[in-house]
C-alpha atoms as a PDB file:
ATOM      1  CA  UNK A   1       8.361  -3.413  23.577  1.00  0.00           C
ATOM      2  CA  UNK A   2       8.414  -0.385  21.316  1.00  0.00           C
ATOM      3  CA  UNK A   3       8.359  -0.902  17.586  1.00  0.00           C
ATOM      4  CA  UNK A   4      11.301   1.480  17.269  1.00  0.00           C
ATOM      5  CA  UNK A   5      13.481  -0.724  19.472  1.00  0.00           C
ATOM      6  CA  UNK A   6      12.939  -3.936  17.585  1.00  0.00           C
ATOM      7  CA  UNK A   7      16.225  -5.287  16.199  1.00  0.00           C
ATOM      8  CA  UNK A   8      14.282  -7.651  14.022  1.00  0.00           C
ATOM      9  CA  UNK A   9      12.684  -4.743  12.175  1.00  0.00           C
ATOM     10  CA  UNK A  10      16.171  -3.381  11.410  1.00  0.00           C
ATOM     11  CA  UNK A  11      17.205  -6.771  10.072  1.00  0.00           C
ATOM     12  CA  UNK A  12      14.088  -6.931   7.936  1.00  0.00           C
ATOM     13  CA  UNK A  13      14.891  -3.482   6.530  1.00  0.00           C
ATOM     14  CA  UNK A  14      18.397  -4.767   5.648  1.00  0.00           C
ATOM     15  CA  UNK A  15      16.906  -7.860   4.069  1.00  0.00           C
ATOM     16  CA  UNK A  16      14.436  -5.670   2.086  1.00  0.00           C
ATOM     17  CA  UNK A  17      17.274  -3.444   0.865  1.00  0.00           C
ATOM     18  CA  UNK A  18      19.357  -6.421  -0.238  1.00  0.00           C
ATOM     19  CA  UNK A  19      16.352  -8.063  -1.836  1.00  0.00           C
ATOM     20  CA  UNK A  20      15.609  -4.906  -3.766  1.00  0.00           C
ATOM     21  CA  UNK A  21      19.125  -4.914  -5.245  1.00  0.00           C
ATOM     22  CA  UNK A  22      18.816  -8.533  -6.286  1.00  0.00           C
ATOM     23  CA  UNK A  23      15.264  -8.276  -7.671  1.00  0.00           C
ATOM     24  CA  UNK A  24      16.253  -5.406  -9.988  1.00  0.00           C
ATOM     25  CA  UNK A  25      18.508  -7.863 -11.863  1.00  0.00           C
ATOM     26  CA  UNK A  26      15.785 -10.447 -12.360  1.00  0.00           C
ATOM     27  CA  UNK A  27      14.818 -11.102 -15.999  1.00  0.00           C
ATOM     28  CA  UNK A  28      11.986  -8.903 -17.266  1.00  0.00           C
ATOM     29  CA  UNK A  29       9.556 -11.809 -17.549  1.00  0.00           C
ATOM     30  CA  UNK A  30      10.040 -12.624 -13.849  1.00  0.00           C
ATOM     31  CA  UNK A  31       9.697  -9.115 -12.446  1.00  0.00           C
ATOM     32  CA  UNK A  32       5.906  -9.302 -12.358  1.00  0.00           C
ATOM     33  CA  UNK A  33       5.674 -12.861 -11.099  1.00  0.00           C
ATOM     34  CA  UNK A  34       8.428 -14.185  -8.832  1.00  0.00           C
ATOM     35  CA  UNK A  35       9.982 -10.829  -7.983  1.00  0.00           C
ATOM     36  CA  UNK A  36       6.576  -9.386  -7.149  1.00  0.00           C
ATOM     37  CA  UNK A  37       5.778 -12.347  -4.914  1.00  0.00           C
ATOM     38  CA  UNK A  38       9.038 -11.915  -3.053  1.00  0.00           C
ATOM     39  CA  UNK A  39       8.398  -8.212  -2.558  1.00  0.00           C
ATOM     40  CA  UNK A  40       4.884  -8.966  -1.313  1.00  0.00           C
ATOM     41  CA  UNK A  41       6.214 -11.510   1.145  1.00  0.00           C
ATOM     42  CA  UNK A  42       8.808  -9.127   2.465  1.00  0.00           C
ATOM     43  CA  UNK A  43       6.108  -6.413   2.927  1.00  0.00           C
ATOM     44  CA  UNK A  44       3.980  -8.998   4.789  1.00  0.00           C
ATOM     45  CA  UNK A  45       6.938  -9.862   7.024  1.00  0.00           C
ATOM     46  CA  UNK A  46       7.413  -6.216   7.996  1.00  0.00           C
ATOM     47  CA  UNK A  47       3.682  -5.723   8.519  1.00  0.00           C
ATOM     48  CA  UNK A  48       3.377  -8.834  10.749  1.00  0.00           C
ATOM     49  CA  UNK A  49       6.433  -7.801  12.762  1.00  0.00           C
ATOM     50  CA  UNK A  50       4.873  -4.403  13.555  1.00  0.00           C
ATOM     51  CA  UNK A  51       1.570  -6.109  14.340  1.00  0.00           C
ATOM     52  CA  UNK A  52       3.275  -8.640  16.684  1.00  0.00           C
ATOM     53  CA  UNK A  53       5.071  -5.859  18.552  1.00  0.00           C
ATOM     54  CA  UNK A  54       1.818  -4.045  19.155  1.00  0.00           C
ATOM     55  CA  UNK A  55      -0.200  -7.076  20.312  1.00  0.00           C
ATOM     56  CA  UNK A  56      -0.487  -8.331  23.834  1.00  0.00           C
ATOM     57  CA  UNK A  57      -1.036 -11.967  22.721  1.00  0.00           C
ATOM     58  CA  UNK A  58       1.729 -12.592  20.219  1.00  0.00           C
ATOM     59  CA  UNK A  59       1.756 -16.354  19.673  1.00  0.00           C
ATOM     60  CA  UNK A  60      -0.529 -16.689  16.624  1.00  0.00           C
ATOM     61  CA  UNK A  61       0.965 -13.663  14.884  1.00  0.00           C
ATOM     62  CA  UNK A  62       4.492 -14.979  15.526  1.00  0.00           C
ATOM     63  CA  UNK A  63       3.476 -18.295  13.977  1.00  0.00           C
ATOM     64  CA  UNK A  64       2.170 -16.419  10.889  1.00  0.00           C
ATOM     65  CA  UNK A  65       5.481 -14.545  10.766  1.00  0.00           C
ATOM     66  CA  UNK A  66       7.375 -17.891  10.911  1.00  0.00           C
ATOM     67  CA  UNK A  67       5.251 -19.223   8.029  1.00  0.00           C
ATOM     68  CA  UNK A  68       6.038 -16.176   5.923  1.00  0.00           C
ATOM     69  CA  UNK A  69       9.793 -16.558   6.543  1.00  0.00           C
ATOM     70  CA  UNK A  70       9.567 -20.163   5.404  1.00  0.00           C
ATOM     71  CA  UNK A  71       7.662 -19.112   2.296  1.00  0.00           C
ATOM     72  CA  UNK A  72      10.307 -16.488   1.517  1.00  0.00           C
ATOM     73  CA  UNK A  73      12.978 -19.198   1.846  1.00  0.00           C
ATOM     74  CA  UNK A  74      11.104 -21.313  -0.706  1.00  0.00           C
ATOM     75  CA  UNK A  75      10.804 -18.372  -3.153  1.00  0.00           C
ATOM     76  CA  UNK A  76      14.515 -17.572  -2.901  1.00  0.00           C
ATOM     77  CA  UNK A  77      15.323 -21.264  -3.359  1.00  0.00           C
ATOM     78  CA  UNK A  78      13.097 -21.254  -6.492  1.00  0.00           C
ATOM     79  CA  UNK A  79      14.849 -18.168  -7.870  1.00  0.00           C
ATOM     80  CA  UNK A  80      18.210 -19.931  -7.425  1.00  0.00           C
ATOM     81  CA  UNK A  81      16.941 -23.143  -8.951  1.00  0.00           C
ATOM     82  CA  UNK A  82      15.640 -21.221 -12.023  1.00  0.00           C
ATOM     83  CA  UNK A  83      19.005 -19.539 -12.403  1.00  0.00           C
ATOM     84  CA  UNK A  84      17.901 -15.965 -11.656  1.00  0.00           C
ATOM     85  CA  UNK A  85      20.514 -15.644  -8.916  1.00  0.00           C
ATOM     86  CA  UNK A  86      23.997 -17.122  -8.666  1.00  0.00           C
ATOM     87  CA  UNK A  87      25.348 -19.222  -5.783  1.00  0.00           C
ATOM     88  CA  UNK A  88      26.915 -16.226  -3.987  1.00  0.00           C
ATOM     89  CA  UNK A  89      23.739 -14.146  -4.003  1.00  0.00           C
ATOM     90  CA  UNK A  90      21.764 -17.183  -2.859  1.00  0.00           C
ATOM     91  CA  UNK A  91      24.160 -17.719   0.041  1.00  0.00           C
ATOM     92  CA  UNK A  92      24.065 -14.048   1.151  1.00  0.00           C
ATOM     93  CA  UNK A  93      20.269 -13.817   0.732  1.00  0.00           C
ATOM     94  CA  UNK A  94      19.784 -17.095   2.664  1.00  0.00           C
ATOM     95  CA  UNK A  95      22.022 -15.821   5.467  1.00  0.00           C
ATOM     96  CA  UNK A  96      19.863 -12.699   5.821  1.00  0.00           C
ATOM     97  CA  UNK A  97      16.696 -14.811   5.876  1.00  0.00           C
ATOM     98  CA  UNK A  98      18.109 -17.302   8.362  1.00  0.00           C
ATOM     99  CA  UNK A  99      19.117 -14.517  10.683  1.00  0.00           C
ATOM    100  CA  UNK A 100      15.565 -13.115  10.683  1.00  0.00           C
ATOM    101  CA  UNK A 101      14.259 -16.673  11.137  1.00  0.00           C
ATOM    102  CA  UNK A 102      16.460 -17.210  14.227  1.00  0.00           C
ATOM    103  CA  UNK A 103      15.275 -13.946  15.709  1.00  0.00           C
ATOM    104  CA  UNK A 104      11.641 -14.962  15.140  1.00  0.00           C
ATOM    105  CA  UNK A 105      12.352 -18.376  16.641  1.00  0.00           C
ATOM    106  CA  UNK A 106      13.842 -16.780  19.748  1.00  0.00           C
ATOM    107  CA  UNK A 107      10.861 -14.439  20.040  1.00  0.00           C
ATOM    108  CA  UNK A 108       8.501 -17.375  19.652  1.00  0.00           C
ATOM    109  CA  UNK A 109      10.329 -19.380  22.315  1.00  0.00           C
ATOM    110  CA  UNK A 110      10.202 -16.414  24.683  1.00  0.00           C
ATOM    111  CA  UNK A 111       6.405 -16.105  24.530  1.00  0.00           C
END
């Protein structure tokens, strides 16, 4: 499957764009800690998605991708718990992450 045709990559780009909007509004003291970790995790998700698409044996890379999605969920939950995002932003952000997670789960089940 071509990297260009991956719907999951488009969803990750949407998630990245939304995350960027939210992370701009984080408090200054969290921009270099929690916000940076979230950005790093999103970059890793995109990188692993491209790597998975290019590989013949995908199972282990897909499992790594699944772990990164779960880690991102934990980071977003932490941001909500600390009060950096409100309930609405948490719900929208979680919906984006869950959608990507379902796509990865389907991809994992297919291999």
